[in-house]
Amino acid sequence: MKHTALTKGTAAAAVVAVLISGCAADGSGMTETGQGAAIGTATGAAAGAIIGSFSGNAGRGALIGAVGGALAGGMVGAYMEEQRRDFERALADEIARGVIRVQLLPGDQLVVGMTGATSFEVDSDRIKPGFYSTMDKIAAIVRRYGKTELRVAGHTDSTGSASYNQTLSERRAVAVEGYLERSGVMPQRIFARGYGQDRPIASNASEAGRRLNRRVEITIVPIQARG
């Protein structure tokens, strides 16, 4: 079942209501590393487009309350830069092997991207057990930096029908969302969406390109106070 921002916003409102009541009561030949580099250079614009397509503004006030307040403007850059460094330290091995990419986007946003080949079984939304340790590292960091939204986007190559690819991308995005939630990440922070084959970052004419297009990306967006 695919989550919507409205659903998460409603749930966030419920969390805030509980918090308030509680306070009242008690005060191809391309190497994996090469693939990672290619993704990094090709996806900046694509990831930026994805950010605007989520409906994360629904229930924004409730979400801010649930995470204990938004970041003030002057704090955002340092907060996200420190988070980027923590990802790069924790995931250094995966980054070196081209399994994970960590990319800074305009607007103090981060993308943590994973290839479908390394994180999922073939034609499946089942996360590979061998990838659990990597997911655990990601979850630990996003728990530590709680004043962010996590926008999980699933993507496929163009093999097969568009409708099947859309469904598969949604299932994979929701699988990552579910893993993070089970790892203790606040559900109201996470928004999952599938894009099927509609947002390729490489040509689907080659196997190397198709491998790059089969991916899940987590865009990490700071929750900022508005002036």
Protein backbone atom coordinates (compact mmCIF):
# COMPACT_ATOMS: atom_id res chain seq x y z
CA MET A 1 0.00 0.00 0.00
CA LYS A 2 1.51 3.36 -1.00
CA HIS A 3 1.60 6.07 1.63
CA THR A 4 0.57 9.62 0.80
CA ALA A 5 1.69 12.85 2.40
CA LEU A 6 -1.87 13.47 3.57
CA THR A 7 -1.86 10.17 5.44
CA LYS A 8 1.47 10.99 7.07
CA GLY A 9 0.31 14.50 7.88
CA THR A 10 -2.79 13.15 9.58
CA ALA A 11 -0.69 10.69 11.55
CA ALA A 12 1.72 13.46 12.52
CA ALA A 13 -1.20 15.47 13.83
CA ALA A 14 -2.17 12.52 15.99
CA VAL A 15 1.38 12.30 17.35
CA VAL A 16 1.34 15.97 18.24
CA ALA A 17 -2.03 15.58 19.95
CA VAL A 18 -0.58 12.79 22.09
CA LEU A 19 2.48 14.89 22.92
CA ILE A 20 0.32 17.85 23.92
CA SER A 21 -1.92 15.75 26.10
CA GLY A 22 1.15 14.18 27.71
CA CYS A 23 2.61 17.60 28.51
CA ALA A 24 -0.69 18.64 30.02
CA ALA A 25 -0.72 15.55 32.18
CA ASP A 26 2.91 15.57 33.43
CA GLY A 27 4.27 19.23 32.70
CA SER A 28 28.36 -3.67 -19.19
CA GLY A 29 31.95 -3.48 -18.35
CA MET A 30 31.41 -0.62 -16.05
CA THR A 31 32.67 -1.39 -12.55
CA GLU A 32 30.44 -0.88 -9.55
CA THR A 33 32.60 2.07 -8.53
CA GLY A 34 32.27 3.48 -12.01
CA GLN A 35 28.52 3.04 -11.84
CA GLY A 36 28.45 5.02 -8.60
CA ALA A 37 30.42 7.84 -10.19
CA ALA A 38 28.15 7.86 -13.22
CA ILE A 39 25.08 8.06 -11.05
CA GLY A 40 26.56 10.94 -9.08
CA THR A 41 27.17 13.03 -12.18
CA ALA A 42 23.86 12.18 -13.84
CA THR A 43 21.32 12.52 -11.09
CA GLY A 44 21.56 16.00 -9.65
CA ALA A 45 18.84 17.41 -11.87
CA ALA A 46 16.69 14.28 -11.70
CA ALA A 47 16.81 14.20 -7.91
CA GLY A 48 15.98 17.87 -7.76
CA ALA A 49 12.89 17.28 -9.89
CA ILE A 50 11.78 14.48 -7.58
CA ILE A 51 11.87 16.75 -4.55
CA GLY A 52 9.17 18.99 -5.92
CA SER A 53 6.85 16.12 -6.79
CA PHE A 54 6.27 14.87 -3.24
CA SER A 55 3.40 16.34 -1.29
CA GLY A 56 5.43 16.69 1.88
CA ASN A 57 3.86 20.00 2.85
CA ALA A 58 0.64 18.34 3.98
CA GLY A 59 0.43 18.48 7.75
CA ARG A 60 3.69 20.44 7.92
CA GLY A 61 2.81 22.12 11.18
CA ALA A 62 2.03 18.80 12.80
CA LEU A 63 5.29 17.33 11.51
CA ILE A 64 7.28 20.22 12.95
CA GLY A 65 5.60 19.63 16.27
CA ALA A 66 6.29 15.91 16.13
CA VAL A 67 10.02 16.38 15.54
CA GLY A 68 10.34 19.02 18.23
CA GLY A 69 10.58 22.14 16.09
CA ALA A 70 12.07 23.21 12.79
CA LEU A 71 15.63 24.26 12.03
CA ALA A 72 16.36 27.99 12.05
CA GLY A 73 17.77 29.27 8.77
CA GLY A 74 21.31 29.78 10.01
CA MET A 75 21.52 26.25 11.39
CA VAL A 76 20.43 24.35 8.30
CA GLY A 77 23.68 24.31 6.34
CA ALA A 78 25.82 23.10 9.23
CA TYR A 79 23.20 20.51 10.25
CA MET A 80 23.04 18.98 6.79
CA GLU A 81 26.79 19.17 6.21
CA GLU A 82 27.45 17.33 9.46
CA GLN A 83 24.90 14.72 8.44
CA ARG A 84 26.59 14.30 5.04
CA ARG A 85 29.95 13.72 6.71
CA ASP A 86 28.43 11.13 9.04
CA PHE A 87 26.93 9.28 6.08
CA GLU A 88 30.23 9.30 4.25
CA ARG A 89 32.09 7.99 7.30
CA ALA A 90 29.56 5.28 8.12
CA LEU A 91 29.10 4.19 4.50
CA ALA A 92 32.70 4.58 3.33
CA ASP A 93 33.00 0.93 2.31
CA GLU A 94 29.71 0.93 0.41
CA ILE A 95 30.58 4.20 -1.33
CA ALA A 96 33.97 2.83 -2.38
CA ARG A 97 32.30 -0.24 -3.87
CA GLY A 98 29.69 1.82 -5.73
CA VAL A 99 26.84 0.29 -3.73
CA ILE A 100 25.76 3.58 -2.17
CA ARG A 101 26.10 7.18 -3.22
CA VAL A 102 25.78 10.24 -0.99
CA GLN A 103 25.23 13.46 -2.90
CA LEU A 104 24.66 17.03 -1.74
CA LEU A 105 21.92 18.87 -3.64
CA PRO A 106 21.09 22.56 -3.84
CA GLY A 107 19.02 23.85 -0.97
CA ASP A 108 20.95 21.92 1.70
CA GLN A 109 19.38 18.60 0.72
CA LEU A 110 21.03 15.20 0.54
CA VAL A 111 20.46 12.13 -1.59
CA VAL A 112 21.39 8.67 -0.38
CA GLY A 113 21.05 6.40 -3.40
CA MET A 114 21.22 2.64 -3.66
CA THR A 115 21.29 0.45 -6.74
CA GLY A 116 18.51 -2.06 -7.25
CA ALA A 117 21.03 -4.78 -8.09
CA THR A 118 22.70 -4.56 -4.71
CA SER A 119 19.71 -3.85 -2.48
CA PHE A 120 16.89 -6.00 -3.92
CA GLU A 121 16.34 -9.47 -5.24
CA VAL A 122 15.74 -9.59 -8.98
CA ASP A 123 12.22 -8.45 -9.94
CA SER A 124 11.29 -8.27 -6.26
CA ASP A 125 10.61 -5.78 -3.50
CA ARG A 126 12.44 -7.96 -0.98
CA ILE A 127 15.52 -6.21 0.42
CA LYS A 128 18.48 -8.57 0.30
CA PRO A 129 19.54 -9.80 3.75
CA GLY A 130 23.11 -8.90 2.83
CA PHE A 131 22.02 -5.27 2.54
CA TYR A 132 20.50 -5.10 6.02
CA SER A 133 23.71 -3.84 7.62
CA THR A 134 23.83 -0.95 5.15
CA MET A 135 20.18 -0.11 5.82
CA ASP A 136 20.91 -0.21 9.54
CA LYS A 137 23.68 2.36 9.12
CA ILE A 138 21.37 4.63 7.14
CA ALA A 139 18.59 4.28 9.73
CA ALA A 140 20.97 5.06 12.61
CA ILE A 141 22.04 8.33 11.02
CA VAL A 142 18.58 9.54 10.03
CA ARG A 143 17.38 8.79 13.57
CA ARG A 144 20.19 10.98 14.89
CA TYR A 145 19.25 13.84 12.58
CA GLY A 146 15.54 13.93 13.28
CA LYS A 147 14.69 17.36 11.89
CA THR A 148 14.41 16.13 8.31
CA GLU A 149 11.88 14.61 5.94
CA LEU A 150 12.87 11.44 4.08
CA ARG A 151 11.49 11.21 0.54
CA VAL A 152 11.97 7.67 -0.70
CA ALA A 153 11.73 7.31 -4.49
CA GLY A 154 11.70 4.00 -6.38
CA HIS A 155 12.82 3.76 -10.03
CA THR A 156 13.11 1.03 -12.65
CA ASP A 157 14.52 0.56 -16.13
CA SER A 158 12.26 0.31 -19.17
CA THR A 159 12.25 -3.49 -19.40
CA GLY A 160 8.70 -4.83 -19.14
CA SER A 161 5.45 -2.92 -19.16
CA ALA A 162 5.16 0.59 -17.80
CA SER A 163 2.36 -0.43 -15.43
CA TYR A 164 4.38 -3.30 -13.96
CA ASN A 165 7.44 -1.09 -13.53
CA GLN A 166 5.35 1.54 -11.78
CA THR A 167 4.04 -1.00 -9.31
CA LEU A 168 7.49 -2.50 -8.71
CA SER A 169 8.99 0.94 -8.06
CA GLU A 170 6.25 1.70 -5.54
CA ARG A 171 6.72 -1.61 -3.77
CA ARG A 172 10.46 -1.07 -3.48
CA ALA A 173 10.06 2.46 -2.16
CA VAL A 174 7.58 1.22 0.44
CA ALA A 175 9.95 -1.63 1.37
CA VAL A 176 12.67 0.88 2.20
CA GLU A 177 10.16 3.05 4.04
CA GLY A 178 9.03 0.04 6.08
CA TYR A 179 12.59 -0.97 6.95
CA LEU A 180 13.34 2.51 8.23
CA GLU A 181 10.15 2.58 10.28
CA ARG A 182 10.94 -0.82 11.82
CA SER A 183 14.39 0.53 12.63
CA GLY A 184 12.89 3.28 14.76
CA VAL A 185 12.59 6.18 12.31
CA MET A 186 9.44 8.23 12.96
CA PRO A 187 6.91 7.19 10.28
CA GLN A 188 5.59 10.73 9.93
CA ARG A 189 8.97 11.80 8.55
CA ILE A 190 8.93 9.36 5.63
CA PHE A 191 7.15 9.73 2.28
CA ALA A 192 7.44 6.93 -0.29
CA ARG A 193 6.67 7.17 -3.99
CA GLY A 194 7.36 5.13 -7.11
CA TYR A 195 8.25 6.63 -10.48
CA GLY A 196 8.53 3.47 -12.55
CA GLN A 197 10.57 4.00 -15.69
CA ASP A 198 9.73 7.69 -16.06
CA ARG A 199 12.91 9.21 -14.56
CA PRO A 200 15.93 7.44 -16.07
CA ILE A 201 19.41 8.77 -15.31
CA ALA A 202 21.06 6.75 -18.09
CA SER A 203 20.14 5.22 -21.44
CA ASN A 204 17.99 2.10 -21.27
CA ALA A 205 19.55 0.94 -24.54
CA SER A 206 22.40 -0.82 -22.72
CA GLU A 207 22.55 -3.14 -19.72
CA ALA A 208 24.95 -0.75 -18.00
CA GLY A 209 22.41 2.05 -18.34
CA ARG A 210 19.55 -0.12 -17.16
CA ARG A 211 21.54 -1.06 -14.06
CA LEU A 212 21.90 2.62 -13.22
CA ASN A 213 18.20 3.25 -13.69
CA ARG A 214 17.15 0.46 -11.31
CA ARG A 215 17.54 2.29 -8.03
CA VAL A 216 15.97 3.65 -4.84
CA GLU A 217 16.90 7.11 -3.63
CA ILE A 218 16.29 8.74 -0.25
CA THR A 219 16.20 12.51 -0.52
CA ILE A 220 16.77 14.05 2.90
CA VAL A 221 15.14 17.45 3.27
CA PRO A 222 15.67 19.73 6.30
CA ILE A 223 12.53 20.84 8.11
CA GLN A 224 13.04 24.57 8.18
CA ALA A 225 11.32 27.34 10.03
CA ARG A 226 9.67 29.87 7.74
CA GLY A 227 10.09 33.55 8.28
